[in-house]
């Protein structure tokens, strides 16, 4: 399965290529003071204002210390940015190596020399979870 690998802290996650739109390096983020911990703020992509979500918080890993890149994905509610700690890269998920645990995750797959957990962006980016206080 064609996918895009995202480095979140020390862990690798994969997005299906069909959900992925583009990568934004060093997004300039405007913070939202009253936003829940999942929302790092907003950033501009060619005139379109997109929420930047803390992928670590969404996955229950804790807040990311920084955001080097944003992976822009399409959800049923429009585009959203997923904060990453490294440059997203294309990959082919070879075979399933185990189950995944956590909301919005599908299974663990071999991706070259790495193991990556496949994400389901439609589940991961459900409004109730994005807006939840952590």
N, C-alpha and C. Protein backbone atom coordinates (compact mmCIF):
# COMPACT_ATOMS: atom_id res chain seq x y z
N UNK A 1 0.84 -1.17 0.00
CA UNK A 1 0.00 0.00 0.00
C UNK A 1 0.89 1.24 0.00
N UNK A 2 0.62 2.13 -0.92
CA UNK A 2 1.36 3.39 -0.97
C UNK A 2 0.94 4.27 0.19
N UNK A 3 1.94 4.86 0.86
CA UNK A 3 1.64 5.68 2.03
C UNK A 3 2.70 6.76 2.18
N UNK A 4 2.48 7.60 3.18
CA UNK A 4 3.44 8.63 3.56
C UNK A 4 3.79 8.37 5.02
N UNK A 5 5.10 8.26 5.31
CA UNK A 5 5.55 8.03 6.68
C UNK A 5 5.70 9.36 7.41
N UNK A 6 5.21 9.39 8.64
CA UNK A 6 5.32 10.56 9.50
C UNK A 6 6.10 10.19 10.74
N UNK A 7 7.09 11.00 11.08
CA UNK A 7 7.83 10.80 12.32
C UNK A 7 7.14 11.65 13.40
N UNK A 8 6.64 10.97 14.43
CA UNK A 8 5.96 11.64 15.54
C UNK A 8 6.73 11.27 16.80
N UNK A 9 7.54 12.22 17.28
CA UNK A 9 8.47 11.89 18.37
C UNK A 9 9.49 10.91 17.85
N UNK A 10 9.54 9.71 18.42
CA UNK A 10 10.46 8.66 17.96
C UNK A 10 9.74 7.58 17.15
N UNK A 11 8.44 7.71 17.00
CA UNK A 11 7.64 6.67 16.37
C UNK A 11 7.25 7.03 14.94
N UNK A 12 7.12 5.99 14.12
CA UNK A 12 6.72 6.17 12.72
C UNK A 12 5.26 5.79 12.56
N UNK A 13 4.54 6.63 11.83
CA UNK A 13 3.15 6.38 11.49
C UNK A 13 3.00 6.55 9.99
N UNK A 14 2.02 5.90 9.42
CA UNK A 14 1.81 5.96 7.98
C UNK A 14 0.40 6.47 7.68
N UNK A 15 0.31 7.33 6.68
CA UNK A 15 -0.98 7.80 6.17
C UNK A 15 -1.19 7.19 4.80
N UNK A 16 -2.40 6.75 4.50
CA UNK A 16 -2.66 6.30 3.13
C UNK A 16 -2.42 7.46 2.16
N UNK A 17 -1.79 7.19 1.04
CA UNK A 17 -1.49 8.22 0.06
C UNK A 17 -2.76 8.96 -0.38
N UNK A 18 -3.89 8.28 -0.42
CA UNK A 18 -5.14 8.90 -0.86
C UNK A 18 -5.58 10.03 0.06
N UNK A 19 -5.20 10.00 1.32
CA UNK A 19 -5.60 11.05 2.28
C UNK A 19 -4.61 12.20 2.32
N UNK A 20 -3.42 11.99 1.81
CA UNK A 20 -2.33 12.96 1.91
C UNK A 20 -2.42 13.99 0.79
N UNK A 21 -2.18 15.28 1.15
CA UNK A 21 -2.18 16.34 0.14
C UNK A 21 -0.79 16.89 -0.13
N UNK A 22 -0.11 17.35 0.92
CA UNK A 22 1.20 17.97 0.73
C UNK A 22 1.93 18.11 2.05
N UNK A 23 3.21 18.50 1.96
CA UNK A 23 4.04 18.76 3.12
C UNK A 23 4.34 20.25 3.17
N UNK A 24 4.26 20.82 4.36
CA UNK A 24 4.65 22.22 4.58
C UNK A 24 5.81 22.21 5.57
N UNK A 25 6.96 22.72 5.14
CA UNK A 25 8.13 22.79 6.00
C UNK A 25 8.03 24.02 6.90
N UNK A 26 8.35 23.85 8.16
CA UNK A 26 8.38 24.93 9.15
C UNK A 26 7.17 25.86 9.04
N UNK A 27 5.96 25.31 9.23
CA UNK A 27 4.78 26.17 9.10
C UNK A 27 4.79 27.29 10.14
N UNK A 28 4.39 28.47 9.70
CA UNK A 28 4.26 29.61 10.61
C UNK A 28 2.87 29.50 11.24
N UNK A 29 2.85 29.25 12.53
CA UNK A 29 1.61 28.91 13.23
C UNK A 29 1.15 30.09 14.08
N UNK A 30 -0.13 30.41 13.96
CA UNK A 30 -0.76 31.39 14.83
C UNK A 30 -1.50 30.63 15.92
N UNK A 31 -1.09 30.83 17.15
CA UNK A 31 -1.68 30.11 18.29
C UNK A 31 -3.10 30.60 18.54
N UNK A 32 -3.92 29.71 19.05
CA UNK A 32 -5.29 30.03 19.46
C UNK A 32 -5.35 29.83 20.97
N UNK A 33 -5.40 30.90 21.76
CA UNK A 33 -5.29 30.79 23.22
C UNK A 33 -6.30 29.87 23.88
N UNK A 34 -7.52 29.79 23.38
CA UNK A 34 -8.54 28.97 24.03
C UNK A 34 -8.69 27.59 23.39
N UNK A 35 -7.79 27.23 22.50
CA UNK A 35 -7.90 25.94 21.79
C UNK A 35 -7.55 24.78 22.71
N UNK A 36 -8.13 23.62 22.44
CA UNK A 36 -7.76 22.42 23.21
C UNK A 36 -6.32 22.01 22.89
N UNK A 37 -5.72 21.15 23.70
CA UNK A 37 -4.32 20.75 23.50
C UNK A 37 -4.04 20.08 22.15
N UNK A 38 -5.06 19.54 21.53
CA UNK A 38 -4.85 18.90 20.23
C UNK A 38 -4.58 19.91 19.12
N UNK A 39 -4.97 21.16 19.32
CA UNK A 39 -4.85 22.18 18.28
C UNK A 39 -3.66 23.09 18.61
N UNK A 40 -2.62 23.02 17.76
CA UNK A 40 -1.44 23.87 17.96
C UNK A 40 -1.70 25.29 17.47
N UNK A 41 -2.62 25.44 16.53
CA UNK A 41 -2.95 26.76 15.99
C UNK A 41 -3.38 26.64 14.54
N UNK A 42 -3.24 27.75 13.82
CA UNK A 42 -3.62 27.81 12.41
C UNK A 42 -2.41 28.20 11.58
N UNK A 43 -2.38 27.73 10.32
CA UNK A 43 -1.32 28.16 9.40
C UNK A 43 -1.91 28.35 8.02
N UNK A 44 -1.21 29.12 7.20
CA UNK A 44 -1.69 29.52 5.89
C UNK A 44 -0.98 28.72 4.81
N UNK A 45 -1.77 28.12 3.91
CA UNK A 45 -1.22 27.42 2.75
C UNK A 45 -1.87 28.03 1.52
N UNK A 46 -1.10 28.89 0.85
CA UNK A 46 -1.57 29.58 -0.36
C UNK A 46 -2.94 30.22 -0.17
N UNK A 47 -3.12 30.91 0.93
CA UNK A 47 -4.36 31.63 1.21
C UNK A 47 -5.44 30.83 1.92
N UNK A 48 -5.22 29.56 2.12
CA UNK A 48 -6.18 28.72 2.84
C UNK A 48 -5.70 28.55 4.28
N UNK A 49 -6.56 28.88 5.23
CA UNK A 49 -6.22 28.76 6.64
C UNK A 49 -6.56 27.34 7.10
N UNK A 50 -5.56 26.66 7.66
CA UNK A 50 -5.68 25.24 8.00
C UNK A 50 -5.31 25.05 9.48
N UNK A 51 -6.09 24.26 10.21
CA UNK A 51 -5.69 23.98 11.60
C UNK A 51 -4.50 23.03 11.63
N UNK A 52 -3.58 23.31 12.55
CA UNK A 52 -2.44 22.42 12.77
C UNK A 52 -2.69 21.66 14.06
N UNK A 53 -2.74 20.35 13.95
CA UNK A 53 -3.05 19.50 15.09
C UNK A 53 -1.78 18.86 15.63
N UNK A 54 -1.74 18.69 16.94
CA UNK A 54 -0.61 18.04 17.58
C UNK A 54 -0.82 16.53 17.46
N UNK A 55 -0.11 15.92 16.55
CA UNK A 55 -0.28 14.49 16.27
C UNK A 55 0.04 13.64 17.50
N UNK A 56 1.01 14.07 18.28
CA UNK A 56 1.35 13.33 19.51
C UNK A 56 0.18 13.29 20.48
N UNK A 57 -0.50 14.41 20.67
CA UNK A 57 -1.66 14.46 21.56
C UNK A 57 -2.80 13.62 20.98
N UNK A 58 -3.05 13.75 19.68
CA UNK A 58 -4.13 12.96 19.06
C UNK A 58 -3.92 11.46 19.26
N UNK A 59 -2.66 11.03 19.23
CA UNK A 59 -2.35 9.60 19.36
C UNK A 59 -2.12 9.15 20.79
N UNK A 60 -2.24 10.08 21.74
CA UNK A 60 -2.05 9.72 23.14
C UNK A 60 -0.60 9.60 23.55
N UNK A 61 0.32 10.17 22.77
CA UNK A 61 1.76 10.09 23.06
C UNK A 61 2.26 11.30 23.83
N UNK A 62 1.43 12.29 24.01
CA UNK A 62 1.84 13.53 24.66
C UNK A 62 2.20 14.57 23.62
N UNK A 63 2.29 15.83 24.05
CA UNK A 63 2.56 16.91 23.10
C UNK A 63 3.95 16.81 22.48
N UNK A 64 4.02 17.17 21.21
CA UNK A 64 5.31 17.21 20.52
C UNK A 64 6.06 18.46 20.96
N UNK A 65 7.37 18.37 21.14
CA UNK A 65 8.13 19.53 21.58
C UNK A 65 8.22 20.62 20.52
N UNK A 66 8.08 20.25 19.27
CA UNK A 66 8.16 21.23 18.18
C UNK A 66 7.45 20.68 16.96
N UNK A 67 7.45 21.47 15.91
CA UNK A 67 6.82 21.05 14.67
C UNK A 67 7.71 21.47 13.51
N UNK A 68 8.48 20.55 13.00
CA UNK A 68 9.36 20.84 11.87
C UNK A 68 8.60 20.86 10.55
N UNK A 69 7.58 20.02 10.46
CA UNK A 69 6.82 19.88 9.23
C UNK A 69 5.35 19.66 9.57
N UNK A 70 4.50 20.00 8.61
CA UNK A 70 3.08 19.69 8.72
C UNK A 70 2.71 18.85 7.50
N UNK A 71 2.07 17.72 7.76
CA UNK A 71 1.53 16.90 6.69
C UNK A 71 0.07 17.30 6.53
N UNK A 72 -0.26 17.89 5.40
CA UNK A 72 -1.64 18.31 5.17
C UNK A 72 -2.41 17.11 4.63
N UNK A 73 -3.49 16.80 5.32
CA UNK A 73 -4.34 15.66 4.94
C UNK A 73 -5.75 16.15 4.69
N UNK A 74 -6.48 15.37 3.93
CA UNK A 74 -7.87 15.67 3.68
C UNK A 74 -8.73 14.81 4.60
N UNK A 75 -9.60 15.46 5.35
CA UNK A 75 -10.56 14.74 6.18
C UNK A 75 -11.96 15.04 5.63
N UNK A 76 -12.94 14.42 6.17
CA UNK A 76 -14.30 14.71 5.69
C UNK A 76 -14.75 16.11 6.07
N UNK A 77 -13.97 16.77 6.92
CA UNK A 77 -14.30 18.13 7.36
C UNK A 77 -13.41 19.18 6.71
N UNK A 78 -12.58 18.77 5.79
CA UNK A 78 -11.69 19.69 5.11
C UNK A 78 -10.24 19.38 5.44
N UNK A 79 -9.32 20.21 4.95
CA UNK A 79 -7.90 19.94 5.19
C UNK A 79 -7.50 20.21 6.64
N UNK A 80 -6.51 19.45 7.09
CA UNK A 80 -5.94 19.64 8.43
C UNK A 80 -4.46 19.32 8.33
N UNK A 81 -3.68 19.97 9.17
CA UNK A 81 -2.25 19.71 9.23
C UNK A 81 -1.94 18.83 10.42
N UNK A 82 -1.12 17.83 10.21
CA UNK A 82 -0.64 16.97 11.30
C UNK A 82 0.81 17.33 11.56
N UNK A 83 1.11 17.78 12.78
CA UNK A 83 2.47 18.16 13.14
C UNK A 83 3.36 16.93 13.17
N UNK A 84 4.57 17.07 12.63
CA UNK A 84 5.54 15.98 12.65
C UNK A 84 6.89 16.52 13.12
N UNK A 85 7.73 15.63 13.57
CA UNK A 85 9.05 16.03 14.04
C UNK A 85 10.13 15.77 13.00
N UNK A 86 9.75 15.24 11.86
CA UNK A 86 10.69 14.99 10.77
C UNK A 86 9.96 15.10 9.44
N UNK A 87 10.72 15.15 8.38
CA UNK A 87 10.13 15.30 7.05
C UNK A 87 9.34 14.04 6.67
N UNK A 88 8.06 14.20 6.31
CA UNK A 88 7.30 13.05 5.81
C UNK A 88 7.96 12.51 4.54
N UNK A 89 7.85 11.21 4.36
CA UNK A 89 8.45 10.60 3.18
C UNK A 89 7.57 9.50 2.63
N UNK A 90 7.57 9.32 1.30
CA UNK A 90 6.76 8.27 0.70
C UNK A 90 7.32 6.90 1.04
N UNK A 91 6.42 5.92 1.13
CA UNK A 91 6.85 4.55 1.43
C UNK A 91 5.79 3.58 0.94
N UNK A 92 6.23 2.38 0.77
CA UNK A 92 5.32 1.28 0.44
C UNK A 92 5.22 0.40 1.68
N UNK A 93 4.00 0.21 2.17
CA UNK A 93 3.80 -0.69 3.31
C UNK A 93 3.80 -2.10 2.76
N UNK A 94 4.74 -2.90 3.22
CA UNK A 94 4.97 -4.22 2.65
C UNK A 94 4.01 -5.28 3.20
N UNK A 95 4.06 -5.52 4.48
CA UNK A 95 3.20 -6.54 5.06
C UNK A 95 2.87 -6.16 6.49
N UNK A 96 1.76 -6.68 6.93
CA UNK A 96 1.30 -6.41 8.30
C UNK A 96 2.14 -7.21 9.27
N UNK A 97 2.63 -6.54 10.32
CA UNK A 97 3.47 -7.22 11.30
C UNK A 97 2.83 -7.32 12.67
N UNK A 98 1.68 -6.67 12.85
CA UNK A 98 1.02 -6.76 14.15
C UNK A 98 -0.15 -5.82 14.27
N UNK A 99 -0.87 -5.96 15.36
CA UNK A 99 -2.02 -5.08 15.58
C UNK A 99 -1.57 -3.70 16.03
N UNK A 100 -2.47 -2.76 15.93
CA UNK A 100 -2.22 -1.42 16.46
C UNK A 100 -3.15 -1.21 17.64
N UNK A 101 -2.74 -0.37 18.54
CA UNK A 101 -3.55 -0.09 19.72
C UNK A 101 -3.76 1.41 19.77
N UNK A 102 -4.99 1.81 19.82
CA UNK A 102 -5.28 3.23 19.92
C UNK A 102 -6.27 3.67 18.86
N UNK A 103 -7.00 4.68 19.21
CA UNK A 103 -8.01 5.22 18.31
C UNK A 103 -7.35 5.83 17.08
N UNK A 104 -7.90 5.52 15.94
CA UNK A 104 -7.37 6.07 14.69
C UNK A 104 -6.23 5.29 14.11
N UNK A 105 -5.87 4.16 14.72
CA UNK A 105 -4.79 3.32 14.18
C UNK A 105 -5.39 2.04 13.62
N UNK A 106 -4.74 1.50 12.59
CA UNK A 106 -5.26 0.31 11.91
C UNK A 106 -4.44 -0.93 12.26
N UNK A 107 -3.16 -0.90 11.95
CA UNK A 107 -2.26 -2.03 12.20
C UNK A 107 -0.83 -1.56 12.00
N UNK A 108 0.12 -2.36 12.46
CA UNK A 108 1.54 -2.07 12.25
C UNK A 108 2.00 -2.79 10.99
N UNK A 109 2.81 -2.09 10.19
CA UNK A 109 3.29 -2.63 8.91
C UNK A 109 4.79 -2.43 8.79
N UNK A 110 5.41 -3.31 8.02
CA UNK A 110 6.80 -3.12 7.64
C UNK A 110 6.84 -2.09 6.52
N UNK A 111 7.74 -1.13 6.67
CA UNK A 111 7.94 -0.09 5.65
C UNK A 111 9.45 0.04 5.45
N UNK A 112 9.98 -0.79 4.58
CA UNK A 112 11.43 -0.83 4.42
C UNK A 112 12.06 -1.38 5.69
N UNK A 113 12.98 -0.64 6.27
CA UNK A 113 13.66 -1.04 7.50
C UNK A 113 12.90 -0.62 8.76
N UNK A 114 11.78 0.04 8.58
CA UNK A 114 11.02 0.58 9.71
C UNK A 114 9.73 -0.19 9.92
N UNK A 115 9.19 0.00 11.11
CA UNK A 115 7.83 -0.46 11.41
C UNK A 115 7.00 0.81 11.59
N UNK A 116 5.88 0.89 10.90
CA UNK A 116 5.01 2.07 10.98
C UNK A 116 3.59 1.63 11.27
N UNK A 117 2.92 2.42 12.08
CA UNK A 117 1.51 2.16 12.39
C UNK A 117 0.66 2.95 11.41
N UNK A 118 -0.20 2.25 10.69
CA UNK A 118 -1.08 2.88 9.71
C UNK A 118 -2.20 3.62 10.43
N UNK A 119 -2.41 4.87 10.04
CA UNK A 119 -3.47 5.71 10.61
C UNK A 119 -4.69 5.73 9.71
N UNK A 120 -5.84 5.85 10.33
CA UNK A 120 -7.09 6.09 9.61
C UNK A 120 -7.47 7.53 9.89
N UNK A 121 -7.18 8.46 8.95
CA UNK A 121 -7.40 9.87 9.23
C UNK A 121 -8.86 10.23 9.49
N UNK A 122 -9.80 9.49 8.92
CA UNK A 122 -11.22 9.79 9.15
C UNK A 122 -11.59 9.54 10.62
N UNK A 123 -10.99 8.54 11.22
CA UNK A 123 -11.25 8.25 12.64
C UNK A 123 -10.40 9.16 13.52
N UNK A 124 -9.12 9.31 13.18
CA UNK A 124 -8.20 10.12 13.97
C UNK A 124 -8.66 11.58 14.06
N UNK A 125 -9.23 12.09 12.98
CA UNK A 125 -9.61 13.50 12.92
C UNK A 125 -11.10 13.74 13.16
N UNK A 126 -11.75 12.83 13.86
CA UNK A 126 -13.16 13.04 14.21
C UNK A 126 -13.26 14.29 15.09
N UNK A 127 -14.23 15.16 14.84
CA UNK A 127 -14.32 16.42 15.57
C UNK A 127 -14.33 16.27 17.09
N UNK A 128 -15.00 15.28 17.61
CA UNK A 128 -15.07 15.11 19.07
C UNK A 128 -13.69 14.86 19.65
N UNK A 129 -12.83 14.14 18.94
CA UNK A 129 -11.50 13.84 19.44
C UNK A 129 -10.55 15.02 19.27
N UNK A 130 -10.69 15.75 18.18
CA UNK A 130 -9.84 16.92 17.95
C UNK A 130 -10.14 17.99 18.98
N UNK A 131 -11.41 18.15 19.33
CA UNK A 131 -11.82 19.20 20.26
C UNK A 131 -11.72 18.78 21.73
N UNK A 132 -11.38 17.52 21.98
CA UNK A 132 -11.34 17.01 23.37
C UNK A 132 -10.25 17.67 24.17
N UNK A 133 -10.55 17.93 25.41
CA UNK A 133 -9.54 18.41 26.36
C UNK A 133 -8.75 17.20 26.84
N UNK A 134 -7.44 17.29 26.80
CA UNK A 134 -6.61 16.17 27.25
C UNK A 134 -6.08 16.40 28.63
